[in-house]
Amino acid sequence: MNITITITKRENEILESYLGIGKVQEWLQHCIDNKIRKRLDAVIIEQTNLNPEKLAKAEKIEAIKSVALPTRNQRTKGV
């Protein structure tokens, strides 16, 4: 899956001045991977009796294979 993120030239310059030239894509990928990991761990804690800290990524994905993932609204409302 490809996701497009749009930032201005100036925003890119700001990020590159902080991260280094050519490092924005890598940084964004790390941000996405980290958010996915956190959400995956939360689903495992909420929906299984497993400890996500003891599982590899592939094991985590397998553990929630049959779990119906709640939407953000459902999680917020406690449904």
C-alpha atoms as a PDB file:
ATOM      1  CA  MET A   1       0.000   0.000   0.000  1.00  0.00           C
ATOM      2  CA  ASN A   2       1.262   3.464  -0.805  1.00  0.00           C
ATOM      3  CA  ILE A   3       0.295   6.504   1.223  1.00  0.00           C
ATOM      4  CA  THR A   4       0.975  10.027   0.027  1.00  0.00           C
ATOM      5  CA  ILE A   5       1.833  12.753   2.505  1.00  0.00           C
ATOM      6  CA  THR A   6       1.898  16.312   1.240  1.00  0.00           C
ATOM      7  CA  ILE A   7       4.117  18.928   2.829  1.00  0.00           C
ATOM      8  CA  THR A   8       5.313  22.242   1.502  1.00  0.00           C
ATOM      9  CA  LYS A   9       8.833  22.804   0.265  1.00  0.00           C
ATOM     10  CA  ARG A  10       9.503  24.946   3.329  1.00  0.00           C
ATOM     11  CA  GLU A  11       8.183  22.250   5.665  1.00  0.00           C
ATOM     12  CA  ASN A  12      10.494  19.752   3.986  1.00  0.00           C
ATOM     13  CA  GLU A  13      13.429  22.155   4.432  1.00  0.00           C
ATOM     14  CA  ILE A  14      12.562  22.487   8.112  1.00  0.00           C
ATOM     15  CA  LEU A  15      12.459  18.713   8.556  1.00  0.00           C
ATOM     16  CA  GLU A  16      15.706  18.226   6.643  1.00  0.00           C
ATOM     17  CA  SER A  17      17.430  20.887   8.747  1.00  0.00           C
ATOM     18  CA  TYR A  18      16.430  18.881  11.817  1.00  0.00           C
ATOM     19  CA  LEU A  19      16.740  15.298  10.542  1.00  0.00           C
ATOM     20  CA  GLY A  20      19.351  15.632   7.819  1.00  0.00           C
ATOM     21  CA  ILE A  21      19.131  15.773   4.035  1.00  0.00           C
ATOM     22  CA  GLY A  22      17.257  12.771   2.626  1.00  0.00           C
ATOM     23  CA  LYS A  23      16.109  11.526   6.042  1.00  0.00           C
ATOM     24  CA  VAL A  24      12.459  12.658   5.973  1.00  0.00           C
ATOM     25  CA  GLN A  25      11.091   9.470   4.347  1.00  0.00           C
ATOM     26  CA  GLU A  26      12.983   7.266   6.816  1.00  0.00           C
ATOM     27  CA  TRP A  27      11.724   9.346   9.751  1.00  0.00           C
ATOM     28  CA  LEU A  28       8.119   9.226   8.551  1.00  0.00           C
ATOM     29  CA  GLN A  29       8.341   5.457   8.047  1.00  0.00           C
ATOM     30  CA  HIS A  30       9.646   5.071  11.593  1.00  0.00           C
ATOM     31  CA  CYS A  31       6.743   7.183  12.916  1.00  0.00           C
ATOM     32  CA  ILE A  32       4.187   5.026  11.101  1.00  0.00           C
ATOM     33  CA  ASP A  33       5.873   1.765  12.175  1.00  0.00           C
ATOM     34  CA  ASN A  34       5.934   2.933  15.799  1.00  0.00           C
ATOM     35  CA  LYS A  35       2.248   3.925  15.772  1.00  0.00           C
ATOM     36  CA  ILE A  36       1.322   0.548  14.244  1.00  0.00           C
ATOM     37  CA  ARG A  37       3.381  -1.275  16.882  1.00  0.00           C
ATOM     38  CA  LYS A  38       1.689   0.637  19.699  1.00  0.00           C
ATOM     39  CA  ARG A  39      -1.791  -0.013  18.328  1.00  0.00           C
ATOM     40  CA  LEU A  40      -1.001  -3.667  17.666  1.00  0.00           C
ATOM     41  CA  ASP A  41       0.205  -4.077  21.255  1.00  0.00           C
ATOM     42  CA  ALA A  42      -2.948  -2.370  22.548  1.00  0.00           C
ATOM     43  CA  VAL A  43      -5.190  -4.695  20.531  1.00  0.00           C
ATOM     44  CA  ILE A  44      -3.331  -7.724  21.872  1.00  0.00           C
ATOM     45  CA  ILE A  45      -3.741  -6.496  25.438  1.00  0.00           C
ATOM     46  CA  GLU A  46      -7.428  -5.644  24.902  1.00  0.00           C
ATOM     47  CA  GLN A  47      -8.449  -8.721  22.915  1.00  0.00           C
ATOM     48  CA  THR A  48      -6.179 -11.582  24.028  1.00  0.00           C
ATOM     49  CA  ASN A  49      -4.486 -12.931  27.134  1.00  0.00           C
ATOM     50  CA  LEU A  50      -1.035 -12.636  25.527  1.00  0.00           C
ATOM     51  CA  ASN A  51       1.851 -10.371  26.489  1.00  0.00           C
ATOM     52  CA  PRO A  52       2.859  -8.334  23.412  1.00  0.00           C
ATOM     53  CA  GLU A  53       6.333  -7.736  24.821  1.00  0.00           C
ATOM     54  CA  LYS A  54       7.081 -11.438  24.437  1.00  0.00           C
ATOM     55  CA  LEU A  55       5.909 -11.706  20.814  1.00  0.00           C
ATOM     56  CA  ALA A  56       7.625 -10.973  17.524  1.00  0.00           C
ATOM     57  CA  LYS A  57       5.762  -8.783  15.020  1.00  0.00           C
ATOM     58  CA  ALA A  58       4.656 -11.780  12.931  1.00  0.00           C
ATOM     59  CA  GLU A  59       3.352 -13.511  16.064  1.00  0.00           C
ATOM     60  CA  LYS A  60       1.419 -10.392  17.049  1.00  0.00           C
ATOM     61  CA  ILE A  61      -0.250 -10.182  13.657  1.00  0.00           C
ATOM     62  CA  GLU A  62      -1.110 -13.878  13.796  1.00  0.00           C
ATOM     63  CA  ALA A  63      -2.518 -13.465  17.327  1.00  0.00           C
ATOM     64  CA  ILE A  64      -5.094 -10.927  16.156  1.00  0.00           C
ATOM     65  CA  LYS A  65      -5.865 -12.577  12.825  1.00  0.00           C
ATOM     66  CA  SER A  66      -9.454 -13.373  13.822  1.00  0.00           C
ATOM     67  CA  VAL A  67     -10.029 -10.256  15.958  1.00  0.00           C
ATOM     68  CA  ALA A  68     -12.607  -7.768  14.683  1.00  0.00           C
ATOM     69  CA  LEU A  69     -10.766  -4.472  15.057  1.00  0.00           C
ATOM     70  CA  PRO A  70     -12.936  -1.784  16.650  1.00  0.00           C
ATOM     71  CA  THR A  71     -13.119   1.605  14.971  1.00  0.00           C
ATOM     72  CA  ARG A  72     -11.830   4.705  16.699  1.00  0.00           C
ATOM     73  CA  ASN A  73     -15.433   5.756  17.485  1.00  0.00           C
ATOM     74  CA  GLN A  74     -16.182   2.369  19.023  1.00  0.00           C
ATOM     75  CA  ARG A  75     -13.046   2.534  21.192  1.00  0.00           C
ATOM     76  CA  THR A  76     -13.882   6.078  22.298  1.00  0.00           C
ATOM     77  CA  LYS A  77     -17.485   5.201  23.149  1.00  0.00           C
ATOM     78  CA  GLY A  78     -16.464   1.973  24.863  1.00  0.00           C
ATOM     79  CA  VAL A  79     -18.647  -0.140  22.586  1.00  0.00           C
END
